């Protein structure tokens, strides 16, 4: 099963109704994976405690409906990189996440706050006064029990919305230094353009997951 977390302002149905997103996840689906498209508890939840609790609930609710092998993977699109990596790093499901992939993934909470007042306000609303300690994959990396989870980061140098140097590439450097199996896939184009969201990227994500079955 692959748990898929959406980008800011998105929803689970984007994986069905948004053609580029649909193309990406369909390429994973045809490799034999069950896709659990998560609403993450809202449109702007930033990997907050409520978001992770929601992912846990839908994961448990899905179990009776699928005949899987028990292996779990996570995939985060843009802001969804936070719940996708945190589910693995915080080990919130009660089972090990075998591998995580992020596509234009936001995984640096401090950078998100620092670079936009609107994003900072959105993050404050999402956390609702709860502590952010333990919810920043990049800046608190060493504190996570699951930091050796294999990681595939899909990044683009032309992405000015989620700077790869501070997010996907930075997390990849930290994870590789810790001893995790890490791959970085460089694509072309702006944030969540078709350079990111296409069947070839989906196939490469599925191949990465296959190596960790």
N, C-alpha and C. Protein backbone atom coordinates (compact mmCIF):
# COMPACT_ATOMS: atom_id res chain seq x y z
N UNK A 1 0.83 -1.19 0.00
CA UNK A 1 0.00 0.00 0.00
C UNK A 1 0.88 1.25 0.00
N UNK A 2 0.52 2.21 -0.85
CA UNK A 2 1.20 3.49 -0.89
C UNK A 2 0.23 4.56 -0.39
N UNK A 3 0.59 5.23 0.70
CA UNK A 3 -0.22 6.32 1.23
C UNK A 3 0.24 7.60 0.55
N UNK A 4 -0.68 8.28 -0.12
CA UNK A 4 -0.35 9.45 -0.93
C UNK A 4 -0.89 10.70 -0.25
N UNK A 5 -0.02 11.65 0.03
CA UNK A 5 -0.40 12.91 0.67
C UNK A 5 -0.30 14.06 -0.34
N UNK A 6 -1.35 14.89 -0.36
CA UNK A 6 -1.50 15.93 -1.38
C UNK A 6 -0.75 17.21 -1.05
N UNK A 7 -0.70 18.11 -2.03
CA UNK A 7 -0.07 19.41 -1.86
C UNK A 7 -0.99 20.42 -1.20
N UNK A 8 -0.42 21.58 -0.92
CA UNK A 8 -1.18 22.64 -0.25
C UNK A 8 -2.39 23.06 -1.08
N UNK A 9 -3.54 23.12 -0.43
CA UNK A 9 -4.77 23.47 -1.10
C UNK A 9 -5.42 22.33 -1.85
N UNK A 10 -4.80 21.16 -1.81
CA UNK A 10 -5.31 20.01 -2.54
C UNK A 10 -6.22 19.14 -1.70
N UNK A 11 -6.54 17.99 -2.27
CA UNK A 11 -7.39 17.01 -1.60
C UNK A 11 -7.11 15.64 -2.19
N UNK A 12 -7.61 14.61 -1.53
CA UNK A 12 -7.35 13.24 -1.98
C UNK A 12 -7.81 13.01 -3.41
N UNK A 13 -8.94 13.59 -3.79
CA UNK A 13 -9.50 13.35 -5.12
C UNK A 13 -8.63 13.89 -6.24
N UNK A 14 -7.64 14.73 -5.91
CA UNK A 14 -6.73 15.21 -6.95
C UNK A 14 -6.03 14.05 -7.64
N UNK A 15 -5.83 12.96 -6.92
CA UNK A 15 -5.19 11.79 -7.50
C UNK A 15 -6.03 11.08 -8.53
N UNK A 16 -7.29 11.49 -8.64
CA UNK A 16 -8.20 10.90 -9.63
C UNK A 16 -8.64 11.94 -10.66
N UNK A 17 -8.88 13.16 -10.19
CA UNK A 17 -9.51 14.18 -11.04
C UNK A 17 -8.52 15.14 -11.69
N UNK A 18 -7.29 15.22 -11.19
CA UNK A 18 -6.30 16.13 -11.76
C UNK A 18 -5.41 15.33 -12.70
N UNK A 19 -5.50 15.56 -14.03
CA UNK A 19 -4.84 14.67 -14.99
C UNK A 19 -3.36 14.41 -14.75
N UNK A 20 -2.50 15.44 -14.51
CA UNK A 20 -1.08 15.11 -14.28
C UNK A 20 -0.86 14.26 -13.03
N UNK A 21 -1.57 14.59 -11.95
CA UNK A 21 -1.48 13.82 -10.70
C UNK A 21 -1.95 12.39 -10.96
N UNK A 22 -3.05 12.25 -11.66
CA UNK A 22 -3.61 10.94 -11.98
C UNK A 22 -2.62 10.11 -12.79
N UNK A 23 -1.94 10.75 -13.76
CA UNK A 23 -0.96 10.05 -14.57
C UNK A 23 0.19 9.52 -13.72
N UNK A 24 0.65 10.34 -12.78
CA UNK A 24 1.74 9.93 -11.89
C UNK A 24 1.35 8.72 -11.06
N UNK A 25 0.21 8.80 -10.38
CA UNK A 25 -0.16 7.71 -9.48
C UNK A 25 -0.62 6.46 -10.24
N UNK A 26 -1.18 6.64 -11.44
CA UNK A 26 -1.56 5.48 -12.24
C UNK A 26 -0.33 4.63 -12.59
N UNK A 27 0.80 5.30 -12.81
CA UNK A 27 2.03 4.57 -13.14
C UNK A 27 2.52 3.75 -11.96
N UNK A 28 2.18 4.15 -10.75
CA UNK A 28 2.49 3.36 -9.56
C UNK A 28 1.47 2.24 -9.39
N UNK A 29 0.21 2.57 -9.63
CA UNK A 29 -0.88 1.61 -9.50
C UNK A 29 -0.66 0.37 -10.37
N UNK A 30 -0.23 0.57 -11.62
CA UNK A 30 -0.08 -0.55 -12.54
C UNK A 30 1.05 -1.49 -12.14
N UNK A 31 1.90 -1.06 -11.20
CA UNK A 31 2.96 -1.92 -10.70
C UNK A 31 2.47 -2.84 -9.59
N UNK A 32 1.17 -2.77 -9.31
CA UNK A 32 0.58 -3.69 -8.34
C UNK A 32 0.41 -3.13 -6.94
N UNK A 33 0.52 -1.82 -6.80
CA UNK A 33 0.37 -1.20 -5.49
C UNK A 33 -1.07 -0.72 -5.27
N UNK A 34 -1.53 -0.86 -4.05
CA UNK A 34 -2.78 -0.23 -3.62
C UNK A 34 -2.46 1.22 -3.25
N UNK A 35 -3.22 2.16 -3.78
CA UNK A 35 -3.00 3.57 -3.49
C UNK A 35 -4.06 4.06 -2.51
N UNK A 36 -3.62 4.57 -1.38
CA UNK A 36 -4.52 5.16 -0.40
C UNK A 36 -4.33 6.68 -0.49
N UNK A 37 -5.28 7.35 -1.15
CA UNK A 37 -5.20 8.80 -1.34
C UNK A 37 -5.76 9.47 -0.10
N UNK A 38 -4.90 10.18 0.62
CA UNK A 38 -5.28 10.74 1.92
C UNK A 38 -5.64 12.21 1.80
N UNK A 39 -6.67 12.62 2.54
CA UNK A 39 -6.99 14.05 2.65
C UNK A 39 -6.10 14.75 3.67
N UNK A 40 -5.37 13.99 4.46
CA UNK A 40 -4.41 14.54 5.43
C UNK A 40 -5.06 15.45 6.47
N UNK A 41 -6.37 15.35 6.62
CA UNK A 41 -7.05 16.15 7.63
C UNK A 41 -7.39 17.56 7.21
N UNK A 42 -7.15 17.91 5.95
CA UNK A 42 -7.46 19.26 5.48
C UNK A 42 -6.57 19.68 4.33
N UNK A 43 -6.81 20.88 3.82
CA UNK A 43 -6.08 21.35 2.64
C UNK A 43 -4.73 21.99 2.96
N UNK A 44 -4.56 22.45 4.21
CA UNK A 44 -3.30 23.09 4.59
C UNK A 44 -2.92 22.64 5.99
N UNK A 45 -2.46 21.39 6.11
CA UNK A 45 -2.20 20.83 7.44
C UNK A 45 -0.72 20.65 7.76
N UNK A 46 0.16 20.75 6.78
CA UNK A 46 1.61 20.90 7.03
C UNK A 46 2.23 19.81 7.91
N UNK A 47 1.74 18.60 7.87
CA UNK A 47 2.31 17.54 8.69
C UNK A 47 2.11 17.73 10.17
N UNK A 48 1.06 18.44 10.54
CA UNK A 48 0.75 18.72 11.95
C UNK A 48 0.32 17.46 12.68
N UNK A 49 0.22 17.50 14.02
CA UNK A 49 -0.27 16.34 14.74
C UNK A 49 -1.64 15.86 14.24
N UNK A 50 -2.53 16.80 13.92
CA UNK A 50 -3.84 16.40 13.40
C UNK A 50 -3.71 15.69 12.06
N UNK A 51 -2.81 16.16 11.21
CA UNK A 51 -2.61 15.53 9.90
C UNK A 51 -2.11 14.10 10.05
N UNK A 52 -1.13 13.90 10.93
CA UNK A 52 -0.58 12.56 11.11
C UNK A 52 -1.60 11.63 11.75
N UNK A 53 -2.40 12.16 12.68
CA UNK A 53 -3.45 11.35 13.28
C UNK A 53 -4.48 10.92 12.23
N UNK A 54 -4.79 11.83 11.32
CA UNK A 54 -5.74 11.52 10.25
C UNK A 54 -5.17 10.41 9.35
N UNK A 55 -3.92 10.53 8.96
CA UNK A 55 -3.31 9.49 8.12
C UNK A 55 -3.38 8.14 8.82
N UNK A 56 -3.12 8.11 10.11
CA UNK A 56 -3.21 6.86 10.86
C UNK A 56 -4.62 6.29 10.86
N UNK A 57 -5.61 7.15 11.00
CA UNK A 57 -7.00 6.68 11.02
C UNK A 57 -7.41 6.09 9.68
N UNK A 58 -7.08 6.77 8.59
CA UNK A 58 -7.51 6.26 7.29
C UNK A 58 -6.73 4.99 6.92
N UNK A 59 -5.49 4.91 7.37
CA UNK A 59 -4.72 3.69 7.13
C UNK A 59 -5.39 2.51 7.84
N UNK A 60 -5.76 2.69 9.10
CA UNK A 60 -6.40 1.59 9.82
C UNK A 60 -7.77 1.26 9.24
N UNK A 61 -8.52 2.29 8.83
CA UNK A 61 -9.84 2.06 8.25
C UNK A 61 -9.76 1.32 6.92
N UNK A 62 -8.65 1.48 6.21
CA UNK A 62 -8.52 0.85 4.90
C UNK A 62 -8.17 -0.63 4.98
N UNK A 63 -7.61 -1.07 6.10
CA UNK A 63 -7.09 -2.44 6.18
C UNK A 63 -8.11 -3.52 5.83
N UNK A 64 -9.36 -3.45 6.32
CA UNK A 64 -10.29 -4.54 6.00
C UNK A 64 -10.70 -4.61 4.53
N UNK A 65 -10.42 -3.57 3.77
CA UNK A 65 -10.92 -3.48 2.40
C UNK A 65 -9.91 -3.95 1.36
N UNK A 66 -8.68 -4.29 1.76
CA UNK A 66 -7.66 -4.66 0.80
C UNK A 66 -6.93 -5.90 1.26
N UNK A 67 -6.56 -6.73 0.29
CA UNK A 67 -5.73 -7.90 0.56
C UNK A 67 -4.30 -7.56 0.16
N UNK A 68 -3.60 -6.95 1.08
CA UNK A 68 -2.22 -6.57 0.81
C UNK A 68 -1.25 -7.50 1.50
N UNK A 69 0.04 -7.22 1.31
CA UNK A 69 1.08 -8.03 1.94
C UNK A 69 1.61 -7.39 3.21
N UNK A 70 0.97 -6.27 3.63
CA UNK A 70 1.37 -5.60 4.86
C UNK A 70 2.46 -4.58 4.69
N UNK A 71 3.05 -4.50 3.51
CA UNK A 71 4.11 -3.51 3.28
C UNK A 71 3.49 -2.15 2.99
N UNK A 72 4.08 -1.11 3.59
CA UNK A 72 3.54 0.24 3.47
C UNK A 72 4.63 1.18 2.97
N UNK A 73 4.24 2.08 2.08
CA UNK A 73 5.12 3.11 1.53
C UNK A 73 4.39 4.44 1.62
N UNK A 74 5.13 5.53 1.57
CA UNK A 74 4.48 6.83 1.60
C UNK A 74 5.01 7.70 0.46
N UNK A 75 4.10 8.52 -0.07
CA UNK A 75 4.42 9.42 -1.18
C UNK A 75 3.84 10.78 -0.87
N UNK A 76 4.66 11.82 -0.91
CA UNK A 76 4.20 13.17 -0.63
C UNK A 76 4.42 14.09 -1.81
N UNK A 77 3.36 14.81 -2.17
CA UNK A 77 3.43 15.78 -3.26
C UNK A 77 3.48 17.17 -2.63
N UNK A 78 4.53 17.93 -2.91
CA UNK A 78 4.68 19.31 -2.41
C UNK A 78 4.51 19.33 -0.88
N UNK A 79 3.54 20.07 -0.33
CA UNK A 79 3.33 20.11 1.11
C UNK A 79 3.14 18.71 1.70
N UNK A 80 2.62 17.80 0.88
CA UNK A 80 2.43 16.42 1.33
C UNK A 80 3.73 15.72 1.68
N UNK A 81 4.87 16.33 1.31
CA UNK A 81 6.14 15.76 1.73
C UNK A 81 6.30 15.71 3.24
N UNK A 82 5.64 16.64 3.93
CA UNK A 82 5.73 16.65 5.40
C UNK A 82 5.02 15.45 6.02
N UNK A 83 3.71 15.22 5.77
CA UNK A 83 3.10 14.03 6.36
C UNK A 83 3.72 12.73 5.84
N UNK A 84 4.17 12.72 4.57
CA UNK A 84 4.75 11.49 4.03
C UNK A 84 6.04 11.11 4.75
N UNK A 85 6.94 12.07 4.96
CA UNK A 85 8.19 11.76 5.64
C UNK A 85 7.98 11.58 7.14
N UNK A 86 7.12 12.39 7.73
CA UNK A 86 6.92 12.30 9.17
C UNK A 86 6.22 11.00 9.57
N UNK A 87 5.32 10.51 8.74
CA UNK A 87 4.70 9.20 9.01
C UNK A 87 5.77 8.13 9.11
N UNK A 88 6.77 8.22 8.24
CA UNK A 88 7.86 7.25 8.27
C UNK A 88 8.83 7.53 9.41
N UNK A 89 9.25 8.79 9.56
CA UNK A 89 10.28 9.12 10.53
C UNK A 89 9.78 9.03 11.97
N UNK A 90 8.51 9.39 12.19
CA UNK A 90 7.94 9.29 13.55
C UNK A 90 7.36 7.91 13.83
N UNK A 91 7.25 7.07 12.78
CA UNK A 91 6.74 5.69 12.91
C UNK A 91 5.36 5.68 13.57
N UNK A 92 4.45 6.42 12.96
CA UNK A 92 3.13 6.64 13.56
C UNK A 92 2.08 5.60 13.21
N UNK A 93 2.37 4.66 12.31
CA UNK A 93 1.35 3.72 11.85
C UNK A 93 1.33 2.41 12.63
N UNK A 94 2.36 2.17 13.41
CA UNK A 94 2.46 0.88 14.09
C UNK A 94 3.13 -0.18 13.24
N UNK A 95 3.42 0.15 11.98
CA UNK A 95 4.20 -0.71 11.09
C UNK A 95 5.27 0.16 10.44
N UNK A 96 6.33 -0.47 10.00
CA UNK A 96 7.43 0.27 9.38
C UNK A 96 7.05 0.71 7.97
N UNK A 97 7.31 1.96 7.65
CA UNK A 97 7.19 2.43 6.27
C UNK A 97 8.44 1.98 5.53
N UNK A 98 8.27 1.19 4.48
CA UNK A 98 9.40 0.57 3.79
C UNK A 98 10.24 1.59 3.02
N UNK A 99 9.58 2.60 2.45
CA UNK A 99 10.29 3.63 1.69
C UNK A 99 9.36 4.81 1.50
N UNK A 100 9.96 5.97 1.30
CA UNK A 100 9.21 7.21 1.12
C UNK A 100 9.71 7.91 -0.15
N UNK A 101 8.77 8.48 -0.89
CA UNK A 101 9.12 9.30 -2.04
C UNK A 101 8.46 10.66 -1.90
N UNK A 102 9.19 11.69 -2.28
CA UNK A 102 8.63 13.04 -2.26
C UNK A 102 8.81 13.66 -3.64
N UNK A 103 7.77 14.33 -4.12
CA UNK A 103 7.78 14.98 -5.43
C UNK A 103 7.62 16.47 -5.18
N UNK A 104 8.67 17.24 -5.47
CA UNK A 104 8.67 18.67 -5.14
C UNK A 104 8.33 18.85 -3.67
N UNK A 105 8.87 17.97 -2.84
CA UNK A 105 8.42 17.84 -1.46
C UNK A 105 8.87 18.96 -0.53
N UNK A 106 7.91 19.49 0.21
CA UNK A 106 8.19 20.44 1.29
C UNK A 106 8.53 19.62 2.52
N UNK A 107 9.79 19.68 2.95
CA UNK A 107 10.23 18.90 4.11
C UNK A 107 11.05 19.74 5.08
N UNK A 108 11.02 21.05 4.88
CA UNK A 108 11.76 21.97 5.74
C UNK A 108 10.76 23.00 6.27
N UNK A 109 10.23 22.73 7.46
CA UNK A 109 9.18 23.58 8.02
C UNK A 109 9.71 24.97 8.34
N UNK A 110 10.93 25.04 8.83
CA UNK A 110 11.51 26.34 9.17
C UNK A 110 11.66 27.20 7.91
N UNK A 111 12.10 26.59 6.82
CA UNK A 111 12.24 27.32 5.56
C UNK A 111 10.89 27.80 5.05
N UNK A 112 9.86 26.98 5.19
CA UNK A 112 8.52 27.38 4.75
C UNK A 112 8.04 28.61 5.51
N UNK A 113 8.28 28.65 6.81
CA UNK A 113 7.88 29.80 7.62
C UNK A 113 8.71 31.04 7.29
N UNK A 114 9.99 30.84 7.10
CA UNK A 114 10.91 31.96 6.91
C UNK A 114 10.71 32.67 5.58
N UNK A 115 10.31 31.94 4.56
CA UNK A 115 10.28 32.49 3.21
C UNK A 115 8.94 33.07 2.79
N UNK A 116 7.90 32.95 3.65
CA UNK A 116 6.60 33.50 3.28
C UNK A 116 5.77 33.75 4.53
N UNK A 117 5.33 35.00 4.69
CA UNK A 117 4.47 35.32 5.84
C UNK A 117 3.14 34.58 5.75
N UNK A 118 2.62 34.41 4.54
CA UNK A 118 1.34 33.70 4.38
C UNK A 118 1.48 32.23 4.73
N UNK A 119 2.61 31.63 4.31
CA UNK A 119 2.82 30.24 4.68
C UNK A 119 2.99 30.10 6.19
N UNK A 120 3.73 31.04 6.79
CA UNK A 120 3.94 30.99 8.24
C UNK A 120 2.60 31.04 8.98
N UNK A 121 1.70 31.91 8.52
CA UNK A 121 0.38 32.01 9.15
C UNK A 121 -0.41 30.73 8.95
N UNK A 122 -0.31 30.13 7.76
CA UNK A 122 -1.01 28.87 7.49
C UNK A 122 -0.49 27.76 8.38
N UNK A 123 0.83 27.72 8.61
CA UNK A 123 1.42 26.71 9.48
C UNK A 123 0.95 26.90 10.91
N UNK A 124 0.90 28.13 11.37
CA UNK A 124 0.41 28.39 12.74
C UNK A 124 -1.03 27.92 12.90
N UNK A 125 -1.86 28.16 11.91
CA UNK A 125 -3.25 27.70 11.99
C UNK A 125 -3.30 26.17 12.03
N UNK A 126 -2.48 25.53 11.22
CA UNK A 126 -2.49 24.06 11.16
C UNK A 126 -2.09 23.45 12.49
N UNK A 127 -1.09 24.03 13.14
CA UNK A 127 -0.62 23.47 14.41
C UNK A 127 -1.48 23.93 15.59
N UNK A 128 -2.18 25.03 15.42
CA UNK A 128 -3.13 25.47 16.44
C UNK A 128 -2.56 25.60 17.83
N UNK A 129 -1.33 26.04 17.94
CA UNK A 129 -0.71 26.19 19.24
C UNK A 129 0.08 24.98 19.70
N UNK A 130 -0.05 23.86 18.99
CA UNK A 130 0.72 22.66 19.34
C UNK A 130 2.20 22.89 19.01
N UNK A 131 3.06 22.22 19.72
CA UNK A 131 4.49 22.35 19.50
C UNK A 131 4.89 21.79 18.13
N UNK A 132 5.84 22.45 17.48
CA UNK A 132 6.38 21.96 16.22
C UNK A 132 7.63 21.11 16.41
N UNK A 133 8.02 20.92 17.65
CA UNK A 133 9.18 20.07 17.93
C UNK A 133 8.86 18.64 17.50
N UNK A 134 9.72 18.08 16.66
CA UNK A 134 9.50 16.73 16.16
C UNK A 134 8.68 16.68 14.89
N UNK A 135 8.46 17.84 14.25
CA UNK A 135 7.64 17.89 13.03
C UNK A 135 8.36 18.58 11.88
N UNK A 136 9.66 18.67 11.94
CA UNK A 136 10.45 19.33 10.90
C UNK A 136 11.50 18.33 10.40
N UNK A 137 11.22 17.64 9.29
CA UNK A 137 12.11 16.57 8.84
C UNK A 137 13.55 17.00 8.63
N UNK A 138 13.79 18.19 8.10
CA UNK A 138 15.16 18.65 7.85
C UNK A 138 15.83 19.12 9.13
N UNK A 139 15.23 20.06 9.82
CA UNK A 139 15.90 20.72 10.94
C UNK A 139 15.92 19.90 12.22
N UNK A 140 15.11 18.84 12.28
CA UNK A 140 15.11 17.97 13.46
C UNK A 140 15.42 16.53 13.07
N UNK A 141 16.12 16.36 11.96
CA UNK A 141 16.32 15.04 11.37
C UNK A 141 16.90 14.03 12.36
N UNK A 142 17.92 14.45 13.10
CA UNK A 142 18.63 13.50 13.98
C UNK A 142 17.75 12.94 15.09
N UNK A 143 16.61 13.58 15.36
CA UNK A 143 15.76 13.15 16.47
C UNK A 143 14.79 12.03 16.11
N UNK A 144 14.69 11.68 14.82
CA UNK A 144 13.66 10.74 14.39
C UNK A 144 14.14 9.30 14.44
N UNK A 145 13.29 8.42 14.99
CA UNK A 145 13.63 6.99 15.06
C UNK A 145 13.70 6.37 13.67
N UNK A 146 12.84 6.83 12.76
CA UNK A 146 12.75 6.21 11.44
C UNK A 146 13.55 6.92 10.37
N UNK A 147 14.61 7.61 10.76
CA UNK A 147 15.34 8.43 9.80
C UNK A 147 16.11 7.61 8.77
N UNK A 148 16.23 6.30 8.95
CA UNK A 148 16.90 5.46 7.97
C UNK A 148 15.95 4.92 6.91
N UNK A 149 14.71 5.38 6.91
CA UNK A 149 13.77 4.99 5.88
C UNK A 149 14.32 5.36 4.51
N UNK A 150 14.36 4.42 3.55
CA UNK A 150 14.83 4.76 2.20
C UNK A 150 14.03 5.92 1.61
N UNK A 151 14.73 6.81 0.90
CA UNK A 151 14.13 8.06 0.43
C UNK A 151 14.43 8.28 -1.05
N UNK A 152 13.38 8.59 -1.81
CA UNK A 152 13.53 9.08 -3.19
C UNK A 152 13.01 10.51 -3.23
N UNK A 153 13.87 11.44 -3.61
CA UNK A 153 13.48 12.85 -3.71
C UNK A 153 13.49 13.27 -5.18
N UNK A 154 12.31 13.70 -5.67
CA UNK A 154 12.19 14.20 -7.04
C UNK A 154 12.24 15.72 -6.97
N UNK A 155 13.25 16.32 -7.60
CA UNK A 155 13.51 17.74 -7.44
C UNK A 155 13.75 18.39 -8.79
N UNK A 156 13.60 19.71 -8.83
CA UNK A 156 13.88 20.49 -10.03
C UNK A 156 14.59 21.78 -9.65
N UNK A 157 15.65 22.11 -10.37
CA UNK A 157 16.38 23.36 -10.13
C UNK A 157 15.55 24.57 -10.50
N UNK A 158 14.53 24.38 -11.33
CA UNK A 158 13.67 25.49 -11.75
C UNK A 158 12.49 25.71 -10.80
N UNK A 159 12.39 24.91 -9.77
CA UNK A 159 11.29 25.02 -8.81
C UNK A 159 11.59 26.16 -7.83
N UNK A 160 10.90 27.28 -7.99
CA UNK A 160 11.10 28.41 -7.09
C UNK A 160 10.09 28.43 -5.95
N UNK A 161 9.06 27.60 -6.03
CA UNK A 161 8.05 27.54 -4.97
C UNK A 161 8.55 26.73 -3.77
N UNK A 162 9.14 25.58 -4.05
CA UNK A 162 9.76 24.74 -3.02
C UNK A 162 11.20 24.52 -3.44
N UNK A 163 12.09 25.32 -2.90
CA UNK A 163 13.50 25.27 -3.30
C UNK A 163 14.10 23.92 -2.93
N UNK A 164 14.60 23.20 -3.93
CA UNK A 164 15.11 21.85 -3.68
C UNK A 164 16.32 21.85 -2.77
N UNK A 165 17.16 22.88 -2.85
CA UNK A 165 18.38 22.91 -2.03
C UNK A 165 18.06 22.90 -0.55
N UNK A 166 16.97 23.56 -0.17
CA UNK A 166 16.58 23.64 1.24
C UNK A 166 15.63 22.54 1.65
N UNK A 167 15.12 21.79 0.68
CA UNK A 167 14.09 20.79 0.97
C UNK A 167 14.54 19.39 0.55
N UNK A 168 14.15 18.95 -0.65
CA UNK A 168 14.44 17.57 -1.03
C UNK A 168 15.91 17.22 -1.04
N UNK A 169 16.73 18.09 -1.62
CA UNK A 169 18.16 17.79 -1.67
C UNK A 169 18.78 17.83 -0.28
N UNK A 170 18.37 18.79 0.53
CA UNK A 170 18.90 18.87 1.90
C UNK A 170 18.54 17.62 2.70
N UNK A 171 17.30 17.16 2.58
CA UNK A 171 16.91 15.96 3.31
C UNK A 171 17.66 14.75 2.78
N UNK A 172 17.84 14.68 1.47
CA UNK A 172 18.59 13.57 0.89
C UNK A 172 20.02 13.51 1.42
N UNK A 173 20.65 14.66 1.55
CA UNK A 173 22.02 14.72 2.08
C UNK A 173 22.06 14.20 3.51
N UNK A 174 21.11 14.64 4.32
CA UNK A 174 21.06 14.19 5.72
C UNK A 174 20.79 12.70 5.81
N UNK A 175 19.83 12.21 5.02
CA UNK A 175 19.47 10.79 5.09
C UNK A 175 20.62 9.91 4.60
N UNK A 176 21.29 10.34 3.53
CA UNK A 176 22.42 9.56 3.02
C UNK A 176 23.56 9.51 4.04
N UNK A 177 23.82 10.64 4.67
CA UNK A 177 24.88 10.68 5.68
C UNK A 177 24.57 9.78 6.87
N UNK A 178 23.27 9.62 7.16
CA UNK A 178 22.87 8.76 8.27
C UNK A 178 22.93 7.28 7.91
N UNK A 179 23.02 6.98 6.62
CA UNK A 179 23.12 5.59 6.18
C UNK A 179 21.90 5.06 5.47
N UNK A 180 20.92 5.91 5.18
CA UNK A 180 19.73 5.48 4.46
C UNK A 180 20.04 5.30 2.98
N UNK A 181 19.26 4.42 2.33
CA UNK A 181 19.33 4.31 0.87
C UNK A 181 18.59 5.50 0.28
N UNK A 182 19.28 6.32 -0.48
CA UNK A 182 18.72 7.57 -0.99
C UNK A 182 18.94 7.69 -2.49
N UNK A 183 17.92 8.11 -3.19
CA UNK A 183 18.05 8.46 -4.61
C UNK A 183 17.47 9.85 -4.82
N UNK A 184 18.11 10.63 -5.67
CA UNK A 184 17.62 11.95 -6.06
C UNK A 184 17.36 11.92 -7.56
N UNK A 185 16.13 12.22 -7.95
CA UNK A 185 15.75 12.26 -9.35
C UNK A 185 15.58 13.71 -9.76
N UNK A 186 16.44 14.18 -10.63
CA UNK A 186 16.40 15.55 -11.12
C UNK A 186 15.49 15.63 -12.34
N UNK A 187 14.50 16.53 -12.28
CA UNK A 187 13.62 16.76 -13.42
C UNK A 187 13.72 18.23 -13.83
N UNK A 188 12.99 18.59 -14.88
CA UNK A 188 13.03 19.95 -15.40
C UNK A 188 11.66 20.60 -15.26
N UNK A 189 11.66 21.89 -14.92
CA UNK A 189 10.41 22.64 -14.92
C UNK A 189 10.06 23.22 -13.58
N UNK A 190 9.08 24.14 -13.58
CA UNK A 190 8.64 24.78 -12.34
C UNK A 190 7.83 23.83 -11.46
N UNK A 191 7.40 24.36 -10.32
CA UNK A 191 6.75 23.56 -9.29
C UNK A 191 5.52 22.82 -9.82
N UNK A 192 5.55 21.50 -9.65
CA UNK A 192 4.46 20.61 -10.03
C UNK A 192 4.04 20.74 -11.49
N UNK A 193 5.00 21.10 -12.33
CA UNK A 193 4.77 21.10 -13.77
C UNK A 193 4.77 19.66 -14.27
N UNK A 194 4.56 19.49 -15.56
CA UNK A 194 4.56 18.14 -16.13
C UNK A 194 5.94 17.50 -16.09
N UNK A 195 6.96 18.29 -15.84
CA UNK A 195 8.28 17.70 -15.63
C UNK A 195 8.31 16.82 -14.39
N UNK A 196 7.54 17.20 -13.41
CA UNK A 196 7.37 16.41 -12.18
C UNK A 196 6.29 15.34 -12.33
N UNK A 197 5.13 15.78 -12.84
CA UNK A 197 3.91 14.96 -12.76
C UNK A 197 3.68 14.23 -14.07
N UNK A 198 4.31 13.09 -14.20
CA UNK A 198 4.17 12.32 -15.43
C UNK A 198 4.38 10.83 -15.14
N UNK A 199 4.09 10.01 -16.13
CA UNK A 199 4.15 8.56 -15.94
C UNK A 199 5.57 8.07 -15.71
N UNK A 200 6.56 8.72 -16.32
CA UNK A 200 7.94 8.28 -16.13
C UNK A 200 8.38 8.45 -14.67
N UNK A 201 8.04 9.58 -14.08
CA UNK A 201 8.36 9.79 -12.66
C UNK A 201 7.62 8.76 -11.80
N UNK A 202 6.33 8.53 -12.11
CA UNK A 202 5.58 7.53 -11.36
C UNK A 202 6.21 6.15 -11.46
N UNK A 203 6.67 5.78 -12.65
CA UNK A 203 7.32 4.48 -12.83
C UNK A 203 8.61 4.37 -12.03
N UNK A 204 9.37 5.47 -11.98
CA UNK A 204 10.62 5.44 -11.22
C UNK A 204 10.36 5.35 -9.72
N UNK A 205 9.27 5.98 -9.26
CA UNK A 205 8.89 5.83 -7.85
C UNK A 205 8.54 4.38 -7.55
N UNK A 206 7.74 3.77 -8.42
CA UNK A 206 7.36 2.37 -8.23
C UNK A 206 8.60 1.47 -8.24
N UNK A 207 9.55 1.74 -9.12
CA UNK A 207 10.78 0.94 -9.17
C UNK A 207 11.56 1.08 -7.87
N UNK A 208 11.60 2.30 -7.33
CA UNK A 208 12.30 2.50 -6.06
C UNK A 208 11.61 1.72 -4.95
N UNK A 209 10.29 1.79 -4.91
CA UNK A 209 9.55 1.01 -3.91
C UNK A 209 9.81 -0.48 -4.09
N UNK A 210 9.89 -0.93 -5.34
CA UNK A 210 10.11 -2.37 -5.60
C UNK A 210 11.42 -2.85 -5.00
N UNK A 211 12.43 -1.98 -4.95
CA UNK A 211 13.71 -2.41 -4.40
C UNK A 211 13.67 -2.57 -2.88
N UNK A 212 12.57 -2.12 -2.28
CA UNK A 212 12.45 -2.18 -0.82
C UNK A 212 11.22 -2.98 -0.40
N UNK A 213 10.90 -4.02 -1.16
CA UNK A 213 9.74 -4.86 -0.85
C UNK A 213 10.11 -5.94 0.13
